[in-house]
N, C-alpha and C. Protein backbone atom coordinates (compact mmCIF):
# COMPACT_ATOMS: atom_id res chain seq x y z
N MET A 1 88.22 93.48 92.73
CA MET A 1 88.58 92.07 92.41
C MET A 1 87.24 91.41 91.86
N ASP A 2 87.38 90.56 90.73
CA ASP A 2 86.27 90.06 90.16
C ASP A 2 85.54 88.91 91.16
N ASN A 3 84.33 89.11 91.24
CA ASN A 3 83.49 88.21 92.12
C ASN A 3 83.61 86.74 91.87
N ARG A 4 83.68 86.45 90.48
CA ARG A 4 83.90 85.01 90.11
C ARG A 4 85.12 84.53 90.67
N LEU A 5 86.24 85.27 90.48
CA LEU A 5 87.64 84.85 90.98
C LEU A 5 87.45 84.60 92.55
N LEU A 6 86.73 85.46 93.35
CA LEU A 6 86.58 85.25 94.68
C LEU A 6 85.89 83.98 95.08
N GLU A 7 84.86 83.66 94.30
CA GLU A 7 84.16 82.60 94.69
C GLU A 7 84.97 81.23 94.41
N MET A 8 85.97 81.24 93.51
CA MET A 8 86.80 80.17 93.15
C MET A 8 87.94 80.01 94.06
N LEU A 9 88.50 81.12 94.84
CA LEU A 9 89.62 80.96 95.55
C LEU A 9 89.37 80.37 96.97
N VAL A 10 90.17 79.41 97.43
CA VAL A 10 90.21 78.91 98.80
C VAL A 10 91.49 79.28 99.41
N CYS A 11 91.58 78.92 100.62
CA CYS A 11 92.70 79.10 101.37
C CYS A 11 93.69 77.93 100.80
N PRO A 12 94.95 78.15 100.48
CA PRO A 12 95.93 77.22 100.06
C PRO A 12 96.24 76.11 101.16
N LEU A 13 96.07 76.44 102.32
CA LEU A 13 96.42 75.48 103.40
C LEU A 13 95.28 74.55 103.85
N CYS A 14 94.06 75.25 104.11
CA CYS A 14 93.03 74.38 104.63
C CYS A 14 91.90 74.15 103.62
N LYS A 15 92.01 74.71 102.53
CA LYS A 15 90.91 74.81 101.42
C LYS A 15 89.71 75.39 101.84
N GLY A 16 89.66 76.21 102.89
CA GLY A 16 88.48 76.85 103.45
C GLY A 16 88.17 78.14 102.62
N PRO A 17 87.06 78.62 103.04
CA PRO A 17 86.62 79.93 102.28
C PRO A 17 87.42 81.11 102.88
N LEU A 18 87.42 82.26 101.94
CA LEU A 18 88.21 83.40 102.12
C LEU A 18 87.36 84.58 102.15
N GLU A 19 87.69 85.52 103.08
CA GLU A 19 86.82 86.79 103.06
C GLU A 19 87.71 87.87 102.48
N HIS A 20 87.10 88.77 101.58
CA HIS A 20 87.92 89.86 100.88
C HIS A 20 87.69 90.94 101.84
N VAL A 21 88.73 91.39 102.51
CA VAL A 21 88.91 92.64 103.40
C VAL A 21 89.66 93.80 102.70
N ARG A 22 88.89 94.86 102.73
CA ARG A 22 89.48 96.12 102.20
C ARG A 22 89.44 97.12 103.37
N THR A 23 90.63 97.87 103.51
CA THR A 23 90.92 98.94 104.37
C THR A 23 91.42 100.02 103.44
N ALA A 24 91.59 101.36 104.06
CA ALA A 24 92.00 102.31 103.34
C ALA A 24 93.37 102.10 102.69
N THR A 25 94.13 101.34 103.37
CA THR A 25 95.60 101.19 102.69
C THR A 25 95.93 99.84 102.23
N SER A 26 95.08 98.83 102.32
CA SER A 26 95.29 97.52 101.88
C SER A 26 94.13 96.59 101.39
N ARG A 27 94.29 95.63 100.76
CA ARG A 27 93.23 94.70 100.48
C ARG A 27 93.82 93.17 100.81
N GLU A 28 92.93 92.43 101.43
CA GLU A 28 93.53 91.09 101.71
C GLU A 28 92.35 90.00 101.64
N LEU A 29 92.97 88.83 101.50
CA LEU A 29 91.75 87.63 101.49
C LEU A 29 92.25 86.91 102.81
N VAL A 30 91.24 86.80 103.71
CA VAL A 30 91.34 86.41 105.16
C VAL A 30 90.85 84.86 105.19
N CYS A 31 91.62 84.09 105.77
CA CYS A 31 91.04 82.70 106.21
C CYS A 31 91.06 82.77 107.87
N HIS A 32 89.89 82.69 108.12
CA HIS A 32 89.46 82.68 109.62
C HIS A 32 89.97 81.37 110.37
N ALA A 33 90.08 80.40 109.61
CA ALA A 33 90.26 79.07 110.17
C ALA A 33 91.78 79.07 110.59
N ASP A 34 92.69 79.42 109.67
CA ASP A 34 94.06 79.49 109.82
C ASP A 34 94.69 80.90 110.36
N ARG A 35 93.62 81.76 110.49
CA ARG A 35 94.00 83.11 111.02
C ARG A 35 95.09 83.71 110.21
N LEU A 36 95.04 83.62 108.90
CA LEU A 36 95.91 84.16 108.02
C LEU A 36 95.29 85.33 107.11
N ALA A 37 96.15 86.28 106.69
CA ALA A 37 95.60 87.23 105.75
C ALA A 37 96.48 87.27 104.44
N PHE A 38 96.03 86.88 103.42
CA PHE A 38 96.86 86.92 102.11
C PHE A 38 96.72 88.20 101.52
N PRO A 39 97.79 88.87 101.06
CA PRO A 39 97.69 90.24 100.47
C PRO A 39 97.19 90.06 98.92
N VAL A 40 96.61 91.20 98.59
CA VAL A 40 96.18 91.33 97.31
C VAL A 40 96.93 92.57 96.70
N ARG A 41 97.68 92.30 95.74
CA ARG A 41 98.65 93.32 95.16
C ARG A 41 98.45 93.69 93.68
N ASP A 42 98.02 94.85 93.43
CA ASP A 42 97.57 95.36 92.07
C ASP A 42 96.63 94.35 91.54
N GLY A 43 95.63 93.92 92.54
CA GLY A 43 94.44 93.24 92.06
C GLY A 43 94.68 91.83 92.02
N ILE A 44 95.90 91.38 92.30
CA ILE A 44 96.26 89.92 92.19
C ILE A 44 96.47 89.28 93.56
N PRO A 45 95.77 88.31 93.90
CA PRO A 45 95.94 87.84 95.26
C PRO A 45 97.25 86.86 95.39
N VAL A 46 98.15 87.21 96.51
CA VAL A 46 99.19 86.49 96.54
C VAL A 46 98.90 85.28 97.54
N MET A 47 98.73 84.12 97.07
CA MET A 47 98.36 82.96 97.77
C MET A 47 99.57 82.10 98.44
N LEU A 48 100.54 82.72 98.85
CA LEU A 48 101.72 81.95 99.41
C LEU A 48 101.73 82.17 100.87
N GLU A 49 101.88 80.93 101.57
CA GLU A 49 101.84 80.98 103.10
C GLU A 49 102.99 82.02 103.50
N SER A 50 104.17 82.00 102.83
CA SER A 50 105.22 82.93 103.23
C SER A 50 104.84 84.35 102.98
N GLU A 51 104.01 84.86 102.28
CA GLU A 51 103.60 86.06 102.11
C GLU A 51 102.33 86.57 102.97
N ALA A 52 101.66 85.64 103.57
CA ALA A 52 100.48 85.83 104.51
C ALA A 52 100.94 86.32 105.78
N ARG A 53 100.21 87.13 106.52
CA ARG A 53 100.41 87.67 107.77
C ARG A 53 99.54 87.13 108.59
N SER A 54 100.03 86.82 109.83
CA SER A 54 99.25 86.13 110.85
C SER A 54 98.30 87.21 111.50
N LEU A 55 97.07 86.73 111.84
CA LEU A 55 96.10 87.56 112.43
C LEU A 55 96.33 87.37 113.90
N GLU A 56 96.32 88.40 114.69
CA GLU A 56 96.59 88.33 116.19
C GLU A 56 95.19 87.79 116.73
N SER A 57 94.12 88.37 116.25
CA SER A 57 92.82 88.01 116.76
C SER A 57 91.72 88.17 115.68
N VAL A 58 90.72 87.56 115.89
CA VAL A 58 89.72 87.64 114.93
C VAL A 58 88.96 89.13 115.02
N ASP A 59 89.10 89.85 116.23
CA ASP A 59 88.69 91.18 116.27
C ASP A 59 89.41 91.98 115.37
N THR A 60 90.59 91.84 115.07
CA THR A 60 91.35 92.65 114.10
C THR A 60 90.79 92.61 112.80
N VAL A 61 90.21 91.59 112.41
CA VAL A 61 89.52 91.46 110.96
C VAL A 61 88.16 92.03 111.13
N ALA A 62 87.45 91.74 112.23
CA ALA A 62 86.06 92.30 112.28
C ALA A 62 85.89 93.58 112.44
N ALA A 63 86.96 94.38 112.95
CA ALA A 63 87.02 95.84 113.03
C ALA A 63 87.21 96.56 111.59
N ALA A 64 87.73 95.76 110.59
CA ALA A 64 87.99 96.40 109.33
C ALA A 64 86.77 96.55 108.48
N PRO A 65 86.45 97.48 107.65
CA PRO A 65 85.45 97.55 106.76
C PRO A 65 85.63 96.26 105.88
N THR A 66 84.47 95.53 105.49
CA THR A 66 84.71 94.38 104.58
C THR A 66 83.71 94.51 103.43
N SER A 67 84.07 93.72 102.42
CA SER A 67 83.18 93.65 101.27
C SER A 67 83.47 92.24 100.78
N VAL A 68 82.38 91.41 100.90
CA VAL A 68 82.55 90.13 100.33
C VAL A 68 82.01 90.10 99.02
N GLY A 69 82.80 89.45 98.03
CA GLY A 69 82.32 89.12 96.70
C GLY A 69 82.38 90.33 95.92
């Protein structure tokens, strides 16, 4: 995902910063304030609340390998 795009994107709910999280099987943009993870499909972030998954705990995200920017 383009670093410039990541810098411009914010959470659609709280307008807070997002963290780009990559795992072996998925990519997501995570809002720690709202505890939501928005999927990235085919390189395109899906910034719809209805498509976001709820994070059970912050530890779930912290355990995943991350790459910011």
